[in-house]
Amino acid sequence: MIEYFNNNVYSFWFLVGFILLAVEALAFGFSTGFILFVGLAALITGGTVWFGLIAATWSASIATFAVSSVVVSVVLWKPLKALQNSRDIPKKDNSSDFVGLKFRLDDDISVTSPGKTRYSGIEWQVEIALDSDLKEITADTTVVVVSVDVGKFRVTRL
């Protein structure tokens, strides 16, 4: 096997490149840049040796691999970073059995002063929904739950 790679240096670099890209894709889901950059550099090195652009020696191919790793990293860093940061943050999934629950407030609540209610044996903090334009809701008003957090109902007037 070693003699095969000594006679076909490009095969070694192609093998290394494909293995690294497979590990990056399957194990890390393209979340690390380092393995992606090194894998692409190994494929570039294999291609340059195969096409005869550099000598088929270990020293030339290792030097090409080092240089191409740096070049690939520099070229792809900003576009991949921009792609990663451009994703829209998904809205919070408020799917819960409690969303749509209607009840009457026991106390007045406001943006600065949440209230409490007891439901299903648990005391829940009741806040005005963040996207609501309401500043306060008076006691005995029927409200509907529009989102749920741990121990919190966010409500709006019905």
Protein backbone atom coordinates (compact mmCIF):
# COMPACT_ATOMS: atom_id res chain seq x y z
CA MET A 1 0.00 0.00 0.00
CA ILE A 2 2.82 2.40 0.88
CA GLU A 3 4.55 1.65 -2.38
CA TYR A 4 1.32 2.34 -4.27
CA PHE A 5 1.02 5.78 -2.64
CA ASN A 6 4.72 6.47 -3.29
CA ASN A 7 4.14 5.78 -6.99
CA ASN A 8 0.76 7.58 -7.10
CA VAL A 9 1.05 10.54 -4.72
CA TYR A 10 -2.14 12.07 -6.11
CA SER A 11 -4.15 9.04 -4.96
CA PHE A 12 -3.08 9.67 -1.37
CA TRP A 13 -4.23 13.31 -1.50
CA PHE A 14 -7.53 12.42 -3.15
CA LEU A 15 -8.16 9.75 -0.50
CA VAL A 16 -7.31 12.14 2.34
CA GLY A 17 -9.47 14.88 0.83
CA PHE A 18 -12.52 12.69 0.35
CA ILE A 19 -12.20 11.16 3.82
CA LEU A 20 -11.95 14.61 5.42
CA LEU A 21 -14.93 15.93 3.47
CA ALA A 22 -16.96 12.84 4.39
CA VAL A 23 -16.09 13.29 8.07
CA GLU A 24 -16.99 16.98 7.85
CA ALA A 25 -20.33 16.26 6.18
CA LEU A 26 -21.40 13.20 8.14
CA ALA A 27 -20.01 13.88 11.60
CA PHE A 28 -20.08 17.65 11.82
CA GLY A 29 -22.66 18.71 9.23
CA PHE A 30 -20.30 21.29 7.70
CA SER A 31 -20.16 23.18 11.00
CA THR A 32 -16.37 23.33 11.32
CA GLY A 33 -14.34 25.26 8.82
CA PHE A 34 -10.99 23.64 9.52
CA ILE A 35 -11.79 20.14 8.27
CA LEU A 36 -13.60 21.55 5.23
CA PHE A 37 -10.65 23.78 4.30
CA VAL A 38 -8.07 21.03 4.80
CA GLY A 39 -10.16 18.51 2.85
CA LEU A 40 -10.53 20.88 -0.07
CA ALA A 41 -6.80 21.64 0.04
CA ALA A 42 -6.03 17.92 -0.11
CA LEU A 43 -8.25 17.56 -3.20
CA ILE A 44 -6.57 20.58 -4.81
CA THR A 45 -3.15 19.07 -4.07
CA GLY A 46 -4.19 15.73 -5.56
CA GLY A 47 -5.50 17.51 -8.66
CA THR A 48 -2.33 19.54 -9.17
CA VAL A 49 -0.18 16.41 -8.88
CA TRP A 50 -2.48 14.41 -11.16
CA PHE A 51 -2.48 17.08 -13.88
CA GLY A 52 1.29 17.42 -13.61
CA LEU A 53 1.27 21.03 -12.43
CA ILE A 54 3.70 20.10 -9.64
CA ALA A 55 6.20 17.29 -9.31
CA ALA A 56 4.89 14.02 -7.94
CA THR A 57 7.12 14.13 -4.86
CA TRP A 58 6.14 14.18 -1.24
CA SER A 59 7.95 17.42 -0.48
CA ALA A 60 6.31 19.28 -3.37
CA SER A 61 2.88 17.92 -2.57
CA ILE A 62 3.17 18.71 1.15
CA ALA A 63 4.23 22.28 0.32
CA THR A 64 1.32 22.59 -2.11
CA PHE A 65 -1.03 21.21 0.51
CA ALA A 66 0.14 23.78 3.09
CA VAL A 67 -0.16 26.70 0.68
CA SER A 68 -3.54 25.58 -0.68
CA SER A 69 -4.87 25.14 2.89
CA VAL A 70 -4.07 28.75 3.64
CA VAL A 71 -5.43 30.00 0.31
CA VAL A 72 -8.68 28.02 0.63
CA SER A 73 -9.12 29.27 4.21
CA VAL A 74 -8.57 32.90 3.23
CA VAL A 75 -10.82 32.69 0.18
CA LEU A 76 -13.73 30.83 1.82
CA TRP A 77 -13.69 32.28 5.36
CA LYS A 78 -15.68 35.47 4.76
CA PRO A 79 -18.29 34.00 2.36
CA LEU A 80 -18.97 31.06 4.67
CA LYS A 81 -19.11 33.35 7.73
CA ALA A 82 -21.56 35.63 5.92
CA LEU A 83 -23.64 32.62 4.89
CA GLN A 84 -23.71 31.37 8.46
CA ASN A 85 -24.75 34.76 9.87
CA SER A 86 -27.35 35.47 7.19
CA ARG A 87 -29.71 32.79 8.35
CA ASP A 88 -32.96 34.15 9.67
CA ILE A 89 -33.50 33.17 13.25
CA PRO A 90 -36.67 31.11 13.28
CA LYS A 91 -39.50 32.44 15.38
CA LYS A 92 -39.97 30.71 18.66
CA ASP A 93 -42.17 27.68 18.36
CA ASN A 94 -45.10 28.44 20.60
CA SER A 95 -46.98 25.31 19.80
CA SER A 96 -48.31 24.19 23.10
CA ASP A 97 -51.56 22.89 24.45
CA PHE A 98 -51.75 26.04 26.55
CA VAL A 99 -51.75 28.42 23.57
CA GLY A 100 -55.36 29.48 23.08
CA LEU A 101 -56.30 28.85 26.72
CA LYS A 102 -58.82 31.45 27.93
CA PHE A 103 -59.25 32.52 31.53
CA ARG A 104 -60.16 35.53 33.68
CA LEU A 105 -57.43 37.49 35.38
CA ASP A 106 -57.39 37.45 39.16
CA ASP A 107 -55.36 40.68 39.44
CA ASP A 108 -54.48 43.69 37.34
CA ILE A 109 -51.37 43.17 35.23
CA SER A 110 -49.17 45.61 33.37
CA VAL A 111 -45.99 45.54 31.34
CA THR A 112 -43.97 46.20 34.49
CA SER A 113 -46.09 44.19 36.93
CA PRO A 114 -46.99 40.62 35.96
CA GLY A 115 -49.72 38.71 37.76
CA LYS A 116 -50.32 35.11 38.71
CA THR A 117 -52.91 32.48 38.01
CA ARG A 118 -53.36 28.90 39.11
CA TYR A 119 -53.96 26.36 36.37
CA SER A 120 -53.68 22.58 36.46
CA GLY A 121 -52.24 22.64 39.97
CA ILE A 122 -49.43 25.00 39.02
CA GLU A 123 -49.08 28.69 39.75
CA TRP A 124 -48.21 30.48 36.52
CA GLN A 125 -46.81 33.97 36.10
CA VAL A 126 -49.03 35.97 33.73
CA GLU A 127 -47.44 38.64 31.52
CA ILE A 128 -48.74 40.80 28.72
CA ALA A 129 -47.56 39.40 25.37
CA LEU A 130 -44.39 41.04 24.08
CA ASP A 131 -45.88 41.85 20.67
CA SER A 132 -49.03 43.34 22.16
CA ASP A 133 -49.59 47.09 22.25
CA LEU A 134 -51.39 46.81 25.60
CA LYS A 135 -49.83 48.47 28.63
CA GLU A 136 -52.16 46.97 31.24
CA ILE A 137 -55.09 44.60 31.59
CA THR A 138 -57.50 44.90 34.50
CA ALA A 139 -58.72 42.13 36.80
CA ASP A 140 -61.75 40.04 35.71
CA THR A 141 -60.86 40.59 32.04
CA THR A 142 -60.93 37.46 29.89
CA VAL A 143 -57.52 36.86 28.32
CA VAL A 144 -56.08 34.30 25.92
CA VAL A 145 -52.64 32.71 26.13
CA VAL A 146 -50.60 33.52 23.01
CA SER A 147 -47.25 32.03 24.06
CA VAL A 148 -45.81 29.95 26.86
CA ASP A 149 -42.42 29.93 28.53
CA VAL A 150 -41.29 27.99 31.56
CA GLY A 151 -43.75 28.98 34.28
CA LYS A 152 -45.11 31.92 32.25
CA PHE A 153 -48.26 32.58 30.27
CA ARG A 154 -48.03 35.51 27.87
CA VAL A 155 -51.53 36.79 27.26
CA THR A 156 -53.55 39.37 25.41
CA ARG A 157 -57.13 40.57 25.79
CA LEU A 158 -59.73 38.41 24.12
